[in-house]
Amino acid sequence: MSIVRAFLTQPCRRYRNFQVIYLVLTLNFVIPALSYTFAPELAIEQFLELNALIGGSVYSYPEAGSRVWRYLAAANVMTLGLSCFLLQLDLRRFYAVLVPLTFMKFYAATCWLVGWLQAPGYRFFLAAAVLDFVTCAAFVWFARRARAEIDGRAPSLLVPRPWTERDR
């Protein structure tokens, strides 16, 4: 319990907030990537339910049947999860990962937006675009603020301590 108290009361509040948000983001990518790989019907069913909920047109493409695109999507989403995890492990050392992480998600958001512009009846494309653009903003907002706060601070003050600084 002392580690939880140390985490919650650490002087680097922006770093703490970054760790919480990036844990959520990491899980937000790793869990769906596994779903895309092993339970594609479940994944597409969730998209279809969202589309119906927001009044979208019936979407009848057999997405779950495409192993090529499904595996590619799963690998890309798992890479997003790994990137978030690396930033959590050591924000200073892996800070450069923020650029490809944000680029990949921003490109996905743009693709969703273009897909919606081409077929506005599929409203879940727009919902996905908005969510992905917001996720990109969160990547940058929380990582940059946390990085600015911890620059010049001793690693021993950070909870969790950066991975590469644990034995020093």
N, C-alpha and C. Protein backbone atom coordinates (compact mmCIF):
# COMPACT_ATOMS: atom_id res chain seq x y z
N MET A 1 0.81 -1.19 0.00
CA MET A 1 0.00 0.00 0.00
C MET A 1 0.86 1.26 0.00
N SER A 2 2.07 1.17 0.52
CA SER A 2 2.93 2.35 0.56
C SER A 2 3.33 2.81 -0.84
N ILE A 3 3.44 1.87 -1.78
CA ILE A 3 3.79 2.26 -3.14
C ILE A 3 2.65 3.05 -3.78
N VAL A 4 1.42 2.66 -3.48
CA VAL A 4 0.25 3.40 -3.99
C VAL A 4 0.24 4.80 -3.40
N ARG A 5 0.49 4.91 -2.10
CA ARG A 5 0.53 6.22 -1.45
C ARG A 5 1.65 7.07 -2.03
N ALA A 6 2.82 6.46 -2.22
CA ALA A 6 3.95 7.19 -2.81
C ALA A 6 3.61 7.67 -4.22
N PHE A 7 2.93 6.83 -4.99
CA PHE A 7 2.53 7.20 -6.34
C PHE A 7 1.55 8.36 -6.32
N LEU A 8 0.55 8.27 -5.48
CA LEU A 8 -0.50 9.29 -5.45
C LEU A 8 -0.02 10.62 -4.88
N THR A 9 0.94 10.59 -3.98
CA THR A 9 1.38 11.82 -3.30
C THR A 9 2.73 12.35 -3.81
N GLN A 10 3.26 11.77 -4.87
CA GLN A 10 4.56 12.22 -5.37
C GLN A 10 4.49 13.69 -5.79
N PRO A 11 5.61 14.39 -5.73
CA PRO A 11 5.61 15.81 -6.08
C PRO A 11 5.40 16.07 -7.58
N CYS A 12 5.61 15.07 -8.40
CA CYS A 12 5.48 15.23 -9.85
C CYS A 12 4.07 14.80 -10.28
N ARG A 13 3.11 15.70 -10.08
CA ARG A 13 1.71 15.37 -10.38
C ARG A 13 1.48 15.12 -11.87
N ARG A 14 2.12 15.88 -12.72
CA ARG A 14 1.93 15.68 -14.15
C ARG A 14 2.49 14.34 -14.60
N TYR A 15 3.58 13.91 -13.99
CA TYR A 15 4.15 12.60 -14.28
C TYR A 15 3.20 11.51 -13.80
N ARG A 16 2.63 11.68 -12.63
CA ARG A 16 1.64 10.72 -12.11
C ARG A 16 0.46 10.63 -13.07
N ASN A 17 -0.08 11.78 -13.49
CA ASN A 17 -1.21 11.79 -14.40
C ASN A 17 -0.87 11.12 -15.73
N PHE A 18 0.33 11.41 -16.22
CA PHE A 18 0.82 10.77 -17.44
C PHE A 18 0.81 9.24 -17.28
N GLN A 19 1.31 8.75 -16.16
CA GLN A 19 1.37 7.31 -15.93
C GLN A 19 -0.03 6.69 -15.93
N VAL A 20 -0.99 7.36 -15.32
CA VAL A 20 -2.37 6.85 -15.27
C VAL A 20 -2.96 6.83 -16.68
N ILE A 21 -2.86 7.94 -17.38
CA ILE A 21 -3.44 8.04 -18.73
C ILE A 21 -2.77 7.05 -19.67
N TYR A 22 -1.46 6.93 -19.61
CA TYR A 22 -0.77 6.01 -20.51
C TYR A 22 -1.02 4.55 -20.16
N LEU A 23 -1.31 4.24 -18.92
CA LEU A 23 -1.71 2.88 -18.58
C LEU A 23 -3.05 2.56 -19.25
N VAL A 24 -3.98 3.51 -19.17
CA VAL A 24 -5.28 3.33 -19.84
C VAL A 24 -5.08 3.19 -21.35
N LEU A 25 -4.22 4.03 -21.93
CA LEU A 25 -3.96 3.97 -23.37
C LEU A 25 -3.30 2.65 -23.76
N THR A 26 -2.34 2.20 -22.97
CA THR A 26 -1.67 0.93 -23.26
C THR A 26 -2.69 -0.20 -23.31
N LEU A 27 -3.54 -0.27 -22.29
CA LEU A 27 -4.57 -1.31 -22.25
C LEU A 27 -5.58 -1.13 -23.38
N ASN A 28 -5.87 0.13 -23.71
CA ASN A 28 -6.80 0.45 -24.79
C ASN A 28 -6.31 -0.07 -26.14
N PHE A 29 -5.03 -0.27 -26.29
CA PHE A 29 -4.48 -0.81 -27.53
C PHE A 29 -4.20 -2.30 -27.45
N VAL A 30 -3.62 -2.75 -26.35
CA VAL A 30 -3.23 -4.16 -26.25
C VAL A 30 -4.45 -5.08 -26.25
N ILE A 31 -5.47 -4.75 -25.49
CA ILE A 31 -6.65 -5.61 -25.41
C ILE A 31 -7.37 -5.70 -26.76
N PRO A 32 -7.65 -4.58 -27.44
CA PRO A 32 -8.27 -4.71 -28.77
C PRO A 32 -7.38 -5.45 -29.77
N ALA A 33 -6.07 -5.26 -29.71
CA ALA A 33 -5.19 -5.96 -30.66
C ALA A 33 -5.34 -7.47 -30.49
N LEU A 34 -5.44 -7.92 -29.26
CA LEU A 34 -5.66 -9.35 -29.02
C LEU A 34 -7.03 -9.78 -29.54
N SER A 35 -8.02 -8.91 -29.35
CA SER A 35 -9.36 -9.19 -29.86
C SER A 35 -9.35 -9.27 -31.38
N TYR A 36 -8.68 -8.35 -32.05
CA TYR A 36 -8.62 -8.36 -33.51
C TYR A 36 -7.97 -9.66 -34.01
N THR A 37 -7.00 -10.14 -33.27
CA THR A 37 -6.28 -11.34 -33.68
C THR A 37 -7.10 -12.61 -33.45
N PHE A 38 -7.69 -12.71 -32.25
CA PHE A 38 -8.30 -13.98 -31.86
C PHE A 38 -9.83 -13.99 -31.85
N ALA A 39 -10.47 -12.83 -31.84
CA ALA A 39 -11.94 -12.77 -31.80
C ALA A 39 -12.43 -11.63 -32.69
N PRO A 40 -12.15 -11.70 -33.99
CA PRO A 40 -12.51 -10.59 -34.87
C PRO A 40 -14.02 -10.32 -34.93
N GLU A 41 -14.81 -11.35 -34.77
CA GLU A 41 -16.26 -11.16 -34.81
C GLU A 41 -16.71 -10.25 -33.68
N LEU A 42 -16.11 -10.41 -32.52
CA LEU A 42 -16.44 -9.56 -31.36
C LEU A 42 -16.07 -8.12 -31.65
N ALA A 43 -14.89 -7.91 -32.22
CA ALA A 43 -14.43 -6.55 -32.51
C ALA A 43 -15.35 -5.85 -33.51
N ILE A 44 -15.68 -6.51 -34.60
CA ILE A 44 -16.52 -5.86 -35.61
C ILE A 44 -17.94 -5.69 -35.08
N GLU A 45 -18.40 -6.61 -34.24
CA GLU A 45 -19.73 -6.48 -33.63
C GLU A 45 -19.83 -5.19 -32.81
N GLN A 46 -18.75 -4.84 -32.11
CA GLN A 46 -18.75 -3.61 -31.32
C GLN A 46 -18.83 -2.38 -32.23
N PHE A 47 -18.11 -2.41 -33.34
CA PHE A 47 -18.21 -1.30 -34.30
C PHE A 47 -19.63 -1.18 -34.84
N LEU A 48 -20.22 -2.31 -35.19
CA LEU A 48 -21.57 -2.30 -35.75
C LEU A 48 -22.60 -1.81 -34.74
N GLU A 49 -22.44 -2.20 -33.49
CA GLU A 49 -23.35 -1.73 -32.44
C GLU A 49 -23.24 -0.22 -32.26
N LEU A 50 -22.01 0.29 -32.26
CA LEU A 50 -21.81 1.73 -32.15
C LEU A 50 -22.45 2.44 -33.34
N ASN A 51 -22.23 1.92 -34.53
CA ASN A 51 -22.80 2.51 -35.73
C ASN A 51 -24.32 2.57 -35.64
N ALA A 52 -24.94 1.49 -35.19
CA ALA A 52 -26.40 1.46 -35.04
C ALA A 52 -26.85 2.45 -33.97
N LEU A 53 -26.12 2.52 -32.88
CA LEU A 53 -26.46 3.42 -31.78
C LEU A 53 -26.47 4.88 -32.21
N ILE A 54 -25.55 5.26 -33.10
CA ILE A 54 -25.49 6.66 -33.54
C ILE A 54 -26.22 6.88 -34.87
N GLY A 55 -27.04 5.89 -35.26
CA GLY A 55 -27.92 6.07 -36.41
C GLY A 55 -27.26 5.89 -37.76
N GLY A 56 -26.19 5.13 -37.82
CA GLY A 56 -25.50 4.91 -39.08
C GLY A 56 -26.20 3.91 -39.99
N SER A 57 -25.82 3.92 -41.24
CA SER A 57 -26.34 2.98 -42.24
C SER A 57 -25.84 1.57 -41.92
N VAL A 58 -26.58 0.58 -42.42
CA VAL A 58 -26.17 -0.81 -42.23
C VAL A 58 -24.83 -1.03 -42.93
N TYR A 59 -23.91 -1.62 -42.22
CA TYR A 59 -22.56 -1.88 -42.73
C TYR A 59 -22.45 -3.38 -42.94
N SER A 60 -22.28 -3.80 -44.18
CA SER A 60 -22.35 -5.24 -44.47
C SER A 60 -21.05 -5.82 -45.03
N TYR A 61 -19.96 -5.10 -44.92
CA TYR A 61 -18.70 -5.63 -45.42
C TYR A 61 -18.21 -6.74 -44.48
N PRO A 62 -17.68 -7.83 -45.03
CA PRO A 62 -17.23 -8.95 -44.21
C PRO A 62 -15.83 -8.71 -43.62
N GLU A 63 -15.70 -7.70 -42.77
CA GLU A 63 -14.39 -7.32 -42.23
C GLU A 63 -13.70 -8.45 -41.47
N ALA A 64 -14.44 -9.18 -40.65
CA ALA A 64 -13.84 -10.22 -39.82
C ALA A 64 -13.26 -11.35 -40.66
N GLY A 65 -13.69 -11.47 -41.91
CA GLY A 65 -13.19 -12.55 -42.76
C GLY A 65 -11.85 -12.27 -43.40
N SER A 66 -11.36 -11.06 -43.34
CA SER A 66 -10.09 -10.71 -43.97
C SER A 66 -8.94 -10.89 -42.99
N ARG A 67 -8.23 -11.96 -43.14
CA ARG A 67 -7.08 -12.19 -42.25
C ARG A 67 -5.93 -11.23 -42.55
N VAL A 68 -5.74 -10.89 -43.81
CA VAL A 68 -4.64 -9.99 -44.18
C VAL A 68 -4.78 -8.67 -43.45
N TRP A 69 -5.93 -8.01 -43.58
CA TRP A 69 -6.12 -6.70 -42.98
C TRP A 69 -6.30 -6.79 -41.47
N ARG A 70 -6.90 -7.87 -41.02
CA ARG A 70 -7.09 -8.05 -39.58
C ARG A 70 -5.75 -8.20 -38.88
N TYR A 71 -4.87 -9.02 -39.42
CA TYR A 71 -3.56 -9.20 -38.79
C TYR A 71 -2.72 -7.93 -38.87
N LEU A 72 -2.81 -7.23 -39.98
CA LEU A 72 -2.10 -5.98 -40.11
C LEU A 72 -2.60 -4.97 -39.08
N ALA A 73 -3.92 -4.87 -38.94
CA ALA A 73 -4.50 -3.96 -37.94
C ALA A 73 -4.08 -4.36 -36.53
N ALA A 74 -4.13 -5.65 -36.25
CA ALA A 74 -3.75 -6.12 -34.91
C ALA A 74 -2.30 -5.78 -34.60
N ALA A 75 -1.42 -5.99 -35.57
CA ALA A 75 0.00 -5.68 -35.36
C ALA A 75 0.20 -4.19 -35.15
N ASN A 76 -0.48 -3.37 -35.93
CA ASN A 76 -0.35 -1.92 -35.77
C ASN A 76 -0.87 -1.46 -34.41
N VAL A 77 -2.01 -1.97 -34.01
CA VAL A 77 -2.59 -1.56 -32.73
C VAL A 77 -1.72 -2.07 -31.57
N MET A 78 -1.18 -3.27 -31.69
CA MET A 78 -0.27 -3.78 -30.65
C MET A 78 0.98 -2.90 -30.58
N THR A 79 1.45 -2.40 -31.72
CA THR A 79 2.60 -1.50 -31.74
C THR A 79 2.28 -0.19 -31.02
N LEU A 80 1.07 0.30 -31.17
CA LEU A 80 0.66 1.48 -30.40
C LEU A 80 0.72 1.19 -28.91
N GLY A 81 0.25 0.01 -28.51
CA GLY A 81 0.31 -0.38 -27.10
C GLY A 81 1.74 -0.47 -26.60
N LEU A 82 2.62 -1.08 -27.39
CA LEU A 82 4.02 -1.17 -27.00
C LEU A 82 4.64 0.21 -26.88
N SER A 83 4.32 1.10 -27.80
CA SER A 83 4.87 2.46 -27.76
C SER A 83 4.45 3.18 -26.48
N CYS A 84 3.18 3.06 -26.13
CA CYS A 84 2.69 3.68 -24.88
C CYS A 84 3.41 3.08 -23.68
N PHE A 85 3.59 1.76 -23.70
CA PHE A 85 4.26 1.08 -22.60
C PHE A 85 5.71 1.53 -22.47
N LEU A 86 6.42 1.68 -23.59
CA LEU A 86 7.81 2.15 -23.53
C LEU A 86 7.89 3.55 -22.92
N LEU A 87 6.96 4.41 -23.30
CA LEU A 87 6.94 5.76 -22.71
C LEU A 87 6.67 5.69 -21.21
N GLN A 88 5.83 4.78 -20.79
CA GLN A 88 5.59 4.61 -19.36
C GLN A 88 6.84 4.13 -18.64
N LEU A 89 7.56 3.21 -19.26
CA LEU A 89 8.75 2.67 -18.62
C LEU A 89 9.82 3.72 -18.38
N ASP A 90 10.04 4.56 -19.37
CA ASP A 90 11.09 5.57 -19.23
C ASP A 90 10.81 6.72 -20.21
N LEU A 91 10.10 7.71 -19.72
CA LEU A 91 9.65 8.81 -20.56
C LEU A 91 10.83 9.58 -21.16
N ARG A 92 11.88 9.78 -20.38
CA ARG A 92 13.03 10.53 -20.91
C ARG A 92 13.75 9.75 -22.00
N ARG A 93 14.03 8.49 -21.75
CA ARG A 93 14.80 7.69 -22.70
C ARG A 93 14.03 7.41 -23.99
N PHE A 94 12.73 7.13 -23.88
CA PHE A 94 11.94 6.75 -25.04
C PHE A 94 11.05 7.87 -25.56
N TYR A 95 11.34 9.10 -25.20
CA TYR A 95 10.49 10.23 -25.59
C TYR A 95 10.32 10.33 -27.11
N ALA A 96 11.34 9.97 -27.86
CA ALA A 96 11.25 10.04 -29.33
C ALA A 96 10.16 9.12 -29.89
N VAL A 97 9.76 8.12 -29.13
CA VAL A 97 8.69 7.20 -29.56
C VAL A 97 7.36 7.96 -29.72
N LEU A 98 7.25 9.10 -29.05
CA LEU A 98 6.02 9.89 -29.15
C LEU A 98 5.71 10.30 -30.59
N VAL A 99 6.74 10.55 -31.38
CA VAL A 99 6.53 10.99 -32.77
C VAL A 99 5.89 9.89 -33.62
N PRO A 100 6.47 8.68 -33.73
CA PRO A 100 5.80 7.66 -34.54
C PRO A 100 4.47 7.20 -33.93
N LEU A 101 4.37 7.20 -32.63
CA LEU A 101 3.11 6.84 -31.97
C LEU A 101 2.00 7.78 -32.42
N THR A 102 2.26 9.07 -32.33
CA THR A 102 1.26 10.07 -32.71
C THR A 102 1.00 10.03 -34.20
N PHE A 103 2.06 9.87 -34.98
CA PHE A 103 1.88 9.81 -36.44
C PHE A 103 0.97 8.65 -36.84
N MET A 104 1.25 7.47 -36.29
CA MET A 104 0.46 6.30 -36.67
C MET A 104 -1.02 6.50 -36.32
N LYS A 105 -1.29 7.03 -35.14
CA LYS A 105 -2.68 7.22 -34.72
C LYS A 105 -3.32 8.37 -35.50
N PHE A 106 -2.56 9.42 -35.78
CA PHE A 106 -3.10 10.54 -36.55
C PHE A 106 -3.44 10.09 -37.98
N TYR A 107 -2.59 9.26 -38.55
CA TYR A 107 -2.87 8.74 -39.89
C TYR A 107 -4.12 7.88 -39.88
N ALA A 108 -4.27 7.04 -38.85
CA ALA A 108 -5.48 6.22 -38.72
C ALA A 108 -6.72 7.11 -38.59
N ALA A 109 -6.62 8.17 -37.79
CA ALA A 109 -7.74 9.10 -37.62
C ALA A 109 -8.11 9.74 -38.95
N THR A 110 -7.10 10.12 -39.70
CA THR A 110 -7.34 10.74 -41.01
C THR A 110 -8.00 9.75 -41.97
N CYS A 111 -7.56 8.49 -41.93
CA CYS A 111 -8.19 7.46 -42.76
C CYS A 111 -9.66 7.28 -42.39
N TRP A 112 -9.96 7.24 -41.09
CA TRP A 112 -11.36 7.13 -40.65
C TRP A 112 -12.17 8.32 -41.18
N LEU A 113 -11.59 9.50 -41.08
CA LEU A 113 -12.29 10.70 -41.53
C LEU A 113 -12.55 10.65 -43.04
N VAL A 114 -11.55 10.26 -43.80
CA VAL A 114 -11.71 10.14 -45.25
C VAL A 114 -12.77 9.08 -45.57
N GLY A 115 -12.74 7.96 -44.84
CA GLY A 115 -13.75 6.92 -45.04
C GLY A 115 -15.16 7.45 -44.78
N TRP A 116 -15.30 8.25 -43.75
CA TRP A 116 -16.62 8.84 -43.44
C TRP A 116 -17.03 9.84 -44.52
N LEU A 117 -16.09 10.65 -44.99
CA LEU A 117 -16.41 11.62 -46.05
C LEU A 117 -16.86 10.90 -47.32
N GLN A 118 -16.28 9.75 -47.59
CA GLN A 118 -16.66 8.98 -48.78
C GLN A 118 -17.97 8.23 -48.59
N ALA A 119 -18.29 7.89 -47.35
CA ALA A 119 -19.52 7.14 -47.05
C ALA A 119 -20.10 7.66 -45.73
N PRO A 120 -20.72 8.84 -45.75
CA PRO A 120 -21.20 9.47 -44.51
C PRO A 120 -22.25 8.66 -43.75
N GLY A 121 -22.83 7.67 -44.39
CA GLY A 121 -23.79 6.82 -43.69
C GLY A 121 -23.14 5.96 -42.63
N TYR A 122 -21.86 5.68 -42.78
CA TYR A 122 -21.14 4.87 -41.79
C TYR A 122 -20.59 5.78 -40.70
N ARG A 123 -21.46 6.13 -39.80
CA ARG A 123 -21.13 7.13 -38.78
C ARG A 123 -20.04 6.67 -37.81
N PHE A 124 -19.88 5.37 -37.68
CA PHE A 124 -18.82 4.93 -36.76
C PHE A 124 -17.44 5.30 -37.29
N PHE A 125 -17.32 5.56 -38.61
CA PHE A 125 -16.05 6.06 -39.15
C PHE A 125 -15.76 7.44 -38.56
N LEU A 126 -16.77 8.29 -38.50
CA LEU A 126 -16.58 9.62 -37.92
C LEU A 126 -16.30 9.53 -36.43
N ALA A 127 -17.03 8.67 -35.74
CA ALA A 127 -16.80 8.50 -34.30
C ALA A 127 -15.36 8.03 -34.04
N ALA A 128 -14.89 7.08 -34.86
CA ALA A 128 -13.52 6.59 -34.70
C ALA A 128 -12.51 7.69 -35.00
N ALA A 129 -12.79 8.52 -36.02
CA ALA A 129 -11.88 9.62 -36.36
C ALA A 129 -11.77 10.60 -35.19
N VAL A 130 -12.90 10.99 -34.63
CA VAL A 130 -12.90 11.93 -33.51
C VAL A 130 -12.14 11.33 -32.33
N LEU A 131 -12.44 10.08 -32.00
CA LEU A 131 -11.75 9.43 -30.88
C LEU A 131 -10.25 9.36 -31.13
N ASP A 132 -9.84 9.03 -32.34
CA ASP A 132 -8.41 8.93 -32.63
C ASP A 132 -7.72 10.29 -32.61
N PHE A 133 -8.38 11.33 -33.09
CA PHE A 133 -7.78 12.67 -33.00
C PHE A 133 -7.63 13.10 -31.55
N VAL A 134 -8.63 12.82 -30.73
CA VAL A 134 -8.54 13.14 -29.29
C VAL A 134 -7.43 12.33 -28.64
N THR A 135 -7.29 11.08 -29.04
CA THR A 135 -6.21 10.23 -28.50
C THR A 135 -4.85 10.82 -28.86
N CYS A 136 -4.70 11.30 -30.08
CA CYS A 136 -3.43 11.95 -30.48
C CYS A 136 -3.13 13.16 -29.60
N ALA A 137 -4.15 13.96 -29.35
CA ALA A 137 -3.96 15.12 -28.49
C ALA A 137 -3.56 14.69 -27.09
N ALA A 138 -4.16 13.62 -26.59
CA ALA A 138 -3.81 13.11 -25.26
C ALA A 138 -2.37 12.61 -25.23
N PHE A 139 -1.95 11.90 -26.28
CA PHE A 139 -0.55 11.45 -26.36
C PHE A 139 0.40 12.62 -26.10
N VAL A 140 0.20 13.65 -26.88
CA VAL A 140 1.13 14.79 -26.85
C VAL A 140 0.97 15.59 -25.57
N TRP A 141 -0.24 15.91 -25.19
CA TRP A 141 -0.52 16.73 -24.01
C TRP A 141 0.11 16.13 -22.75
N PHE A 142 -0.21 14.89 -22.45
CA PHE A 142 0.26 14.29 -21.21
C PHE A 142 1.75 13.99 -21.23
N ALA A 143 2.28 13.52 -22.35
CA ALA A 143 3.71 13.20 -22.42
C ALA A 143 4.57 14.46 -22.34
N ARG A 144 4.19 15.50 -23.08
CA ARG A 144 5.00 16.72 -23.07
C ARG A 144 4.99 17.39 -21.69
N ARG A 145 3.82 17.46 -21.07
CA ARG A 145 3.74 18.10 -19.75
C ARG A 145 4.52 17.30 -18.70
N ALA A 146 4.41 15.98 -18.77
CA ALA A 146 5.16 15.15 -17.81
C ALA A 146 6.65 15.27 -18.06
N ARG A 147 7.05 15.25 -19.30
CA ARG A 147 8.48 15.36 -19.63
C ARG A 147 9.05 16.69 -19.15
N ALA A 148 8.33 17.77 -19.36
CA ALA A 148 8.79 19.08 -18.90
C ALA A 148 8.92 19.11 -17.37
N GLU A 149 8.01 18.45 -16.70
CA GLU A 149 8.03 18.44 -15.24
C GLU A 149 9.19 17.63 -14.68
N ILE A 150 9.54 16.52 -15.34
CA ILE A 150 10.58 15.66 -14.76
C ILE A 150 11.99 16.01 -15.23
N ASP A 151 12.13 16.85 -16.26
CA ASP A 151 13.46 17.24 -16.70
C ASP A 151 14.21 17.90 -15.55
N GLY A 152 15.39 17.40 -15.31
CA GLY A 152 16.22 17.95 -14.25
C GLY A 152 15.93 17.38 -12.87
N ARG A 153 14.93 16.56 -12.73
CA ARG A 153 14.61 15.95 -11.43
C ARG A 153 15.31 14.60 -11.33
N ALA A 154 15.68 14.27 -10.12
CA ALA A 154 16.32 12.98 -9.87
C ALA A 154 15.32 11.85 -10.11
N PRO A 155 15.75 10.79 -10.76
CA PRO A 155 14.86 9.65 -11.00
C PRO A 155 14.27 9.07 -9.72
N SER A 156 15.00 9.18 -8.62
CA SER A 156 14.51 8.62 -7.36
C SER A 156 13.25 9.33 -6.86
N LEU A 157 12.95 10.52 -7.38
CA LEU A 157 11.74 11.25 -6.98
C LEU A 157 10.50 10.78 -7.73
N LEU A 158 10.70 10.00 -8.78
CA LEU A 158 9.59 9.60 -9.64
C LEU A 158 9.04 8.24 -9.25
N VAL A 159 7.71 8.15 -9.21
CA VAL A 159 7.04 6.89 -8.91
C VAL A 159 6.04 6.62 -10.03
N PRO A 160 6.26 5.59 -10.82
CA PRO A 160 7.37 4.65 -10.76
C PRO A 160 8.66 5.26 -11.30
N ARG A 161 9.74 4.76 -10.77
CA ARG A 161 11.05 5.23 -11.21
C ARG A 161 11.29 4.74 -12.64
N PRO A 162 11.88 5.57 -13.50
CA PRO A 162 12.17 5.14 -14.87
C PRO A 162 12.95 3.82 -14.88
N TRP A 163 12.58 2.96 -15.79
CA TRP A 163 13.13 1.61 -15.85
C TRP A 163 14.64 1.59 -15.93
N THR A 164 15.23 2.44 -16.75
CA THR A 164 16.68 2.43 -16.93
C THR A 164 17.41 3.08 -15.77
N GLU A 165 16.70 3.67 -14.85
CA GLU A 165 17.33 4.33 -13.70
C GLU A 165 17.13 3.56 -12.41
N ARG A 166 16.57 2.36 -12.45
CA ARG A 166 16.22 1.65 -11.23
C ARG A 166 17.42 1.19 -10.42
N ASP A 167 18.50 0.84 -11.07
CA ASP A 167 19.65 0.33 -10.33
C ASP A 167 20.73 1.38 -10.08
N ARG A 168 20.46 2.61 -10.43
CA ARG A 168 21.49 3.65 -10.26
C ARG A 168 21.31 4.37 -8.96
